[in-house]
Each structure stands twice: as C-alpha cells, then as structure tokens.
Amino acid sequence: MPKMKTHRGAAKRFKRRKSGVIGRKKSTVTHNLTSKSSKRKMHLRKPAVVHKSDQDRVKRLLPN
C-alpha cells in the first residue's frame, strides 16, 4: 500500500499541538476590520482548537 499523502491545504491551516489536539486560526480577521471593535479583533488573534467532532476528520488529512 502506498504512503498516505498530507493534504497540503489542511497542512497550511492546522497545526498539531504537543497535547495532540489540533489548533487553527479564527476566521473573519482579514478584511472589513473597520466595522469590528478592537476587543473583537483582539480576541480573534488568539489561536483556537478544532472541535472534538472534527478532530478525526482533520487528523485523517494530516497523517504525518
């Protein structure tokens, strides 16, 4: 059986943390920033974690 290839689009968006959970960036941070409050933009900068129900699906895309 051939090696499993990493899904390159997923590799650019998700990173596996030391604890095993998969981290992601929050959305809606790239444009229309004038309509968002400073508090909202500040909280959007912090990294997030992929939801439990999606963990297995993302791990399948990132075998290595």
PDB file of N, CA and C in Angstrom:
ATOM      1  N   MET A   1       0.852  -1.173   0.000  1.00  0.00           N
ATOM      2  CA  MET A   1       0.000   0.000   0.000  1.00  0.00           C
ATOM      3  C   MET A   1       0.907   1.249   0.000  1.00  0.00           C
ATOM      4  N   PRO A   2       0.597   2.249  -0.842  1.00  0.00           N
ATOM      5  CA  PRO A   2       1.440   3.447  -0.888  1.00  0.00           C
ATOM      6  C   PRO A   2       1.289   4.294   0.369  1.00  0.00           C
ATOM      7  N   LYS A   3       2.249   5.177   0.538  1.00  0.00           N
ATOM      8  CA  LYS A   3       2.198   6.095   1.683  1.00  0.00           C
ATOM      9  C   LYS A   3       1.002   7.025   1.563  1.00  0.00           C
ATOM     10  N   MET A   4       0.494   7.462   2.710  1.00  0.00           N
ATOM     11  CA  MET A   4      -0.588   8.446   2.695  1.00  0.00           C
ATOM     12  C   MET A   4       0.009   9.827   2.502  1.00  0.00           C
ATOM     13  N   LYS A   5      -0.560  10.593   1.617  1.00  0.00           N
ATOM     14  CA  LYS A   5      -0.069  11.951   1.387  1.00  0.00           C
ATOM     15  C   LYS A   5      -0.785  12.924   2.306  1.00  0.00           C
ATOM     16  N   THR A   6      -0.050  13.958   2.714  1.00  0.00           N
ATOM     17  CA  THR A   6      -0.625  15.019   3.528  1.00  0.00           C
ATOM     18  C   THR A   6      -1.434  15.938   2.634  1.00  0.00           C
ATOM     19  N   HIS A   7      -2.605  16.313   3.084  1.00  0.00           N
ATOM     20  CA  HIS A   7      -3.437  17.275   2.360  1.00  0.00           C
ATOM     21  C   HIS A   7      -2.812  18.655   2.567  1.00  0.00           C
ATOM     22  N   ARG A   8      -2.248  19.211   1.514  1.00  0.00           N
ATOM     23  CA  ARG A   8      -1.444  20.432   1.655  1.00  0.00           C
ATOM     24  C   ARG A   8      -2.281  21.632   2.086  1.00  0.00           C
ATOM     25  N   GLY A   9      -3.549  21.693   1.653  1.00  0.00           N
ATOM     26  CA  GLY A   9      -4.410  22.785   2.088  1.00  0.00           C
ATOM     27  C   GLY A   9      -4.662  22.728   3.580  1.00  0.00           C
ATOM     28  N   ALA A  10      -4.845  21.509   4.106  1.00  0.00           N
ATOM     29  CA  ALA A  10      -5.074  21.351   5.537  1.00  0.00           C
ATOM     30  C   ALA A  10      -3.791  21.624   6.319  1.00  0.00           C
ATOM     31  N   ALA A  11      -2.647  21.255   5.768  1.00  0.00           N
ATOM     32  CA  ALA A  11      -1.376  21.458   6.463  1.00  0.00           C
ATOM     33  C   ALA A  11      -1.083  22.941   6.669  1.00  0.00           C
ATOM     34  N   LYS A  12      -1.576  23.778   5.765  1.00  0.00           N
ATOM     35  CA  LYS A  12      -1.349  25.221   5.893  1.00  0.00           C
ATOM     36  C   LYS A  12      -2.292  25.850   6.909  1.00  0.00           C
ATOM     37  N   ARG A  13      -3.392  25.174   7.232  1.00  0.00           N
ATOM     38  CA  ARG A  13      -4.404  25.758   8.110  1.00  0.00           C
ATOM     39  C   ARG A  13      -4.398  25.205   9.523  1.00  0.00           C
ATOM     40  N   PHE A  14      -3.917  23.980   9.710  1.00  0.00           N
ATOM     41  CA  PHE A  14      -3.977  23.322  11.014  1.00  0.00           C
ATOM     42  C   PHE A  14      -2.591  22.908  11.462  1.00  0.00           C
ATOM     43  N   LYS A  15      -2.359  22.970  12.797  1.00  0.00           N
ATOM     44  CA  LYS A  15      -1.098  22.514  13.365  1.00  0.00           C
ATOM     45  C   LYS A  15      -1.425  21.624  14.557  1.00  0.00           C
ATOM     46  N   ARG A  16      -0.724  20.514  14.656  1.00  0.00           N
ATOM     47  CA  ARG A  16      -0.918  19.617  15.789  1.00  0.00           C
ATOM     48  C   ARG A  16      -0.102  20.132  16.967  1.00  0.00           C
ATOM     49  N   ARG A  17      -0.717  20.232  18.130  1.00  0.00           N
ATOM     50  CA  ARG A  17      -0.035  20.712  19.327  1.00  0.00           C
ATOM     51  C   ARG A  17       0.568  19.538  20.089  1.00  0.00           C
ATOM     52  N   LYS A  18       1.417  19.854  21.065  1.00  0.00           N
ATOM     53  CA  LYS A  18       2.088  18.798  21.821  1.00  0.00           C
ATOM     54  C   LYS A  18       1.104  17.887  22.523  1.00  0.00           C
ATOM     55  N   SER A  19      -0.033  18.447  22.961  1.00  0.00           N
ATOM     56  CA  SER A  19      -1.020  17.648  23.684  1.00  0.00           C
ATOM     57  C   SER A  19      -1.808  16.725  22.754  1.00  0.00           C
ATOM     58  N   GLY A  20      -1.662  16.893  21.441  1.00  0.00           N
ATOM     59  CA  GLY A  20      -2.362  16.046  20.483  1.00  0.00           C
ATOM     60  C   GLY A  20      -3.569  16.703  19.845  1.00  0.00           C
ATOM     61  N   VAL A  21      -4.065  17.797  20.435  1.00  0.00           N
ATOM     62  CA  VAL A  21      -5.197  18.483  19.817  1.00  0.00           C
ATOM     63  C   VAL A  21      -4.709  19.279  18.616  1.00  0.00           C
ATOM     64  N   ILE A  22      -5.621  19.643  17.753  1.00  0.00           N
ATOM     65  CA  ILE A  22      -5.257  20.352  16.531  1.00  0.00           C
ATOM     66  C   ILE A  22      -5.682  21.810  16.653  1.00  0.00           C
ATOM     67  N   GLY A  23      -4.741  22.708  16.429  1.00  0.00           N
ATOM     68  CA  GLY A  23      -5.008  24.127  16.527  1.00  0.00           C
ATOM     69  C   GLY A  23      -5.365  24.717  15.184  1.00  0.00           C
ATOM     70  N   ARG A  24      -6.065  25.840  15.215  1.00  0.00           N
ATOM     71  CA  ARG A  24      -6.455  26.537  13.994  1.00  0.00           C
ATOM     72  C   ARG A  24      -6.487  28.023  14.285  1.00  0.00           C
ATOM     73  N   LYS A  25      -6.586  28.830  13.222  1.00  0.00           N
ATOM     74  CA  LYS A  25      -6.762  30.266  13.384  1.00  0.00           C
ATOM     75  C   LYS A  25      -8.241  30.591  13.268  1.00  0.00           C
ATOM     76  N   LYS A  26      -8.645  31.660  13.893  1.00  0.00           N
ATOM     77  CA  LYS A  26     -10.038  32.068  13.823  1.00  0.00           C
ATOM     78  C   LYS A  26     -10.292  32.805  12.514  1.00  0.00           C
ATOM     79  N   SER A  27     -11.524  32.776  12.072  1.00  0.00           N
ATOM     80  CA  SER A  27     -11.874  33.377  10.790  1.00  0.00           C
ATOM     81  C   SER A  27     -12.280  34.838  10.958  1.00  0.00           C
ATOM     82  N   THR A  28     -12.527  35.489   9.863  1.00  0.00           N
ATOM     83  CA  THR A  28     -13.011  36.880   9.741  1.00  0.00           C
ATOM     84  C   THR A  28     -12.029  37.903  10.295  1.00  0.00           C
ATOM     85  N   VAL A  29     -10.719  37.641  10.179  1.00  0.00           N
ATOM     86  CA  VAL A  29      -9.730  38.585  10.695  1.00  0.00           C
ATOM     87  C   VAL A  29      -9.047  39.346   9.565  1.00  0.00           C
ATOM     88  N   THR A  30      -9.333  38.981   8.313  1.00  0.00           N
ATOM     89  CA  THR A  30      -8.517  39.512   7.228  1.00  0.00           C
ATOM     90  C   THR A  30      -9.064  40.758   6.554  1.00  0.00           C
ATOM     91  N   HIS A  31     -10.365  40.982   6.577  1.00  0.00           N
ATOM     92  CA  HIS A  31     -10.883  42.165   5.874  1.00  0.00           C
ATOM     93  C   HIS A  31     -12.081  42.722   6.621  1.00  0.00           C
ATOM     94  N   ASN A  32     -12.525  43.904   6.215  1.00  0.00           N
ATOM     95  CA  ASN A  32     -13.616  44.644   6.865  1.00  0.00           C
ATOM     96  C   ASN A  32     -13.340  44.865   8.346  1.00  0.00           C
ATOM     97  N   LEU A  33     -12.105  45.236   8.657  1.00  0.00           N
ATOM     98  CA  LEU A  33     -11.711  45.368  10.058  1.00  0.00           C
ATOM     99  C   LEU A  33     -12.240  46.647  10.691  1.00  0.00           C
ATOM    100  N   THR A  34     -12.625  47.617   9.890  1.00  0.00           N
ATOM    101  CA  THR A  34     -13.110  48.873  10.465  1.00  0.00           C
ATOM    102  C   THR A  34     -14.458  48.694  11.150  1.00  0.00           C
ATOM    103  N   SER A  35     -15.227  47.713  10.720  1.00  0.00           N
ATOM    104  CA  SER A  35     -16.535  47.508  11.332  1.00  0.00           C
ATOM    105  C   SER A  35     -16.467  46.641  12.587  1.00  0.00           C
ATOM    106  N   LYS A  36     -15.293  46.084  12.889  1.00  0.00           N
ATOM    107  CA  LYS A  36     -15.147  45.236  14.063  1.00  0.00           C
ATOM    108  C   LYS A  36     -14.517  46.035  15.197  1.00  0.00           C
ATOM    109  N   SER A  37     -14.950  45.779  16.407  1.00  0.00           N
ATOM    110  CA  SER A  37     -14.419  46.500  17.559  1.00  0.00           C
ATOM    111  C   SER A  37     -13.004  46.007  17.875  1.00  0.00           C
ATOM    112  N   SER A  38     -12.254  46.821  18.595  1.00  0.00           N
ATOM    113  CA  SER A  38     -10.896  46.448  18.981  1.00  0.00           C
ATOM    114  C   SER A  38     -10.901  45.191  19.839  1.00  0.00           C
ATOM    115  N   LYS A  39     -11.872  45.097  20.717  1.00  0.00           N
ATOM    116  CA  LYS A  39     -11.972  43.924  21.588  1.00  0.00           C
ATOM    117  C   LYS A  39     -12.191  42.652  20.772  1.00  0.00           C
ATOM    118  N   ARG A  40     -13.068  42.763  19.778  1.00  0.00           N
ATOM    119  CA  ARG A  40     -13.354  41.596  18.942  1.00  0.00           C
ATOM    120  C   ARG A  40     -12.123  41.182  18.149  1.00  0.00           C
ATOM    121  N   LYS A  41     -11.392  42.163  17.586  1.00  0.00           N
ATOM    122  CA  LYS A  41     -10.187  41.856  16.816  1.00  0.00           C
ATOM    123  C   LYS A  41      -9.107  41.250  17.701  1.00  0.00           C
ATOM    124  N   MET A  42      -9.013  41.732  18.928  1.00  0.00           N
ATOM    125  CA  MET A  42      -8.017  41.223  19.865  1.00  0.00           C
ATOM    126  C   MET A  42      -8.287  39.749  20.172  1.00  0.00           C
ATOM    127  N   HIS A  43      -9.544  39.396  20.391  1.00  0.00           N
ATOM    128  CA  HIS A  43      -9.879  38.009  20.691  1.00  0.00           C
ATOM    129  C   HIS A  43      -9.749  37.111  19.458  1.00  0.00           C
ATOM    130  N   LEU A  44      -9.920  37.668  18.269  1.00  0.00           N
ATOM    131  CA  LEU A  44      -9.785  36.862  17.055  1.00  0.00           C
ATOM    132  C   LEU A  44      -8.330  36.502  16.771  1.00  0.00           C
ATOM    133  N   ARG A  45      -7.388  37.255  17.351  1.00  0.00           N
ATOM    134  CA  ARG A  45      -5.969  36.956  17.135  1.00  0.00           C
ATOM    135  C   ARG A  45      -5.526  35.690  17.854  1.00  0.00           C
ATOM    136  N   LYS A  46      -6.203  35.335  18.920  1.00  0.00           N
ATOM    137  CA  LYS A  46      -5.793  34.176  19.714  1.00  0.00           C
ATOM    138  C   LYS A  46      -6.088  32.891  18.952  1.00  0.00           C
ATOM    139  N   PRO A  47      -5.211  31.881  19.094  1.00  0.00           N
ATOM    140  CA  PRO A  47      -5.465  30.618  18.399  1.00  0.00           C
ATOM    141  C   PRO A  47      -6.647  29.881  19.001  1.00  0.00           C
ATOM    142  N   ALA A  48      -7.248  29.025  18.203  1.00  0.00           N
ATOM    143  CA  ALA A  48      -8.402  28.245  18.632  1.00  0.00           C
ATOM    144  C   ALA A  48      -8.084  26.768  18.456  1.00  0.00           C
ATOM    145  N   VAL A  49      -8.976  25.927  18.915  1.00  0.00           N
ATOM    146  CA  VAL A  49      -8.808  24.481  18.815  1.00  0.00           C
ATOM    147  C   VAL A  49      -9.926  23.934  17.936  1.00  0.00           C
ATOM    148  N   VAL A  50      -9.591  22.956  17.110  1.00  0.00           N
ATOM    149  CA  VAL A  50     -10.594  22.302  16.274  1.00  0.00           C
ATOM    150  C   VAL A  50     -11.556  21.548  17.178  1.00  0.00           C
ATOM    151  N   HIS A  51     -12.830  21.623  16.884  1.00  0.00           N
ATOM    152  CA  HIS A  51     -13.865  20.996  17.712  1.00  0.00           C
ATOM    153  C   HIS A  51     -13.697  19.481  17.741  1.00  0.00           C
ATOM    154  N   LYS A  52     -14.120  18.893  18.859  1.00  0.00           N
ATOM    155  CA  LYS A  52     -13.988  17.447  19.058  1.00  0.00           C
ATOM    156  C   LYS A  52     -14.573  16.638  17.908  1.00  0.00           C
ATOM    157  N   SER A  53     -15.708  17.078  17.409  1.00  0.00           N
ATOM    158  CA  SER A  53     -16.383  16.310  16.357  1.00  0.00           C
ATOM    159  C   SER A  53     -15.632  16.363  15.029  1.00  0.00           C
ATOM    160  N   ASP A  54     -14.731  17.333  14.853  1.00  0.00           N
ATOM    161  CA  ASP A  54     -13.966  17.444  13.609  1.00  0.00           C
ATOM    162  C   ASP A  54     -12.534  16.946  13.744  1.00  0.00           C
ATOM    163  N   GLN A  55     -12.092  16.592  14.950  1.00  0.00           N
ATOM    164  CA  GLN A  55     -10.698  16.190  15.173  1.00  0.00           C
ATOM    165  C   GLN A  55     -10.305  15.007  14.284  1.00  0.00           C
ATOM    166  N   ASP A  56     -11.128  13.957  14.242  1.00  0.00           N
ATOM    167  CA  ASP A  56     -10.773  12.761  13.479  1.00  0.00           C
ATOM    168  C   ASP A  56     -10.666  13.067  11.992  1.00  0.00           C
ATOM    169  N   ARG A  57     -11.563  13.927  11.504  1.00  0.00           N
ATOM    170  CA  ARG A  57     -11.543  14.261  10.083  1.00  0.00           C
ATOM    171  C   ARG A  57     -10.266  15.007   9.713  1.00  0.00           C
ATOM    172  N   VAL A  58      -9.839  15.926  10.568  1.00  0.00           N
ATOM    173  CA  VAL A  58      -8.627  16.697  10.272  1.00  0.00           C
ATOM    174  C   VAL A  58      -7.390  15.820  10.438  1.00  0.00           C
ATOM    175  N   LYS A  59      -7.385  14.938  11.441  1.00  0.00           N
ATOM    176  CA  LYS A  59      -6.232  14.043  11.626  1.00  0.00           C
ATOM    177  C   LYS A  59      -6.034  13.129  10.430  1.00  0.00           C
ATOM    178  N   ARG A  60      -7.126  12.745   9.767  1.00  0.00           N
ATOM    179  CA  ARG A  60      -7.023  11.922   8.578  1.00  0.00           C
ATOM    180  C   ARG A  60      -6.345  12.678   7.442  1.00  0.00           C
ATOM    181  N   LEU A  61      -6.536  14.004   7.391  1.00  0.00           N
ATOM    182  CA  LEU A  61      -5.894  14.817   6.361  1.00  0.00           C
ATOM    183  C   LEU A  61      -4.419  15.052   6.648  1.00  0.00           C
ATOM    184  N   LEU A  62      -4.025  14.941   7.935  1.00  0.00           N
ATOM    185  CA  LEU A  62      -2.650  15.194   8.341  1.00  0.00           C
ATOM    186  C   LEU A  62      -2.037  13.917   8.931  1.00  0.00           C
ATOM    187  N   PRO A  63      -1.697  12.945   8.102  1.00  0.00           N
ATOM    188  CA  PRO A  63      -1.208  11.665   8.647  1.00  0.00           C
ATOM    189  C   PRO A  63       0.190  11.763   9.242  1.00  0.00           C
ATOM    190  N   ASN A  64       1.005  12.680   8.783  1.00  0.00           N
ATOM    191  CA  ASN A  64       2.408  12.744   9.226  1.00  0.00           C
ATOM    192  C   ASN A  64       2.612  13.784  10.294  1.00  0.00           C
TER     193      ASN A  64
END
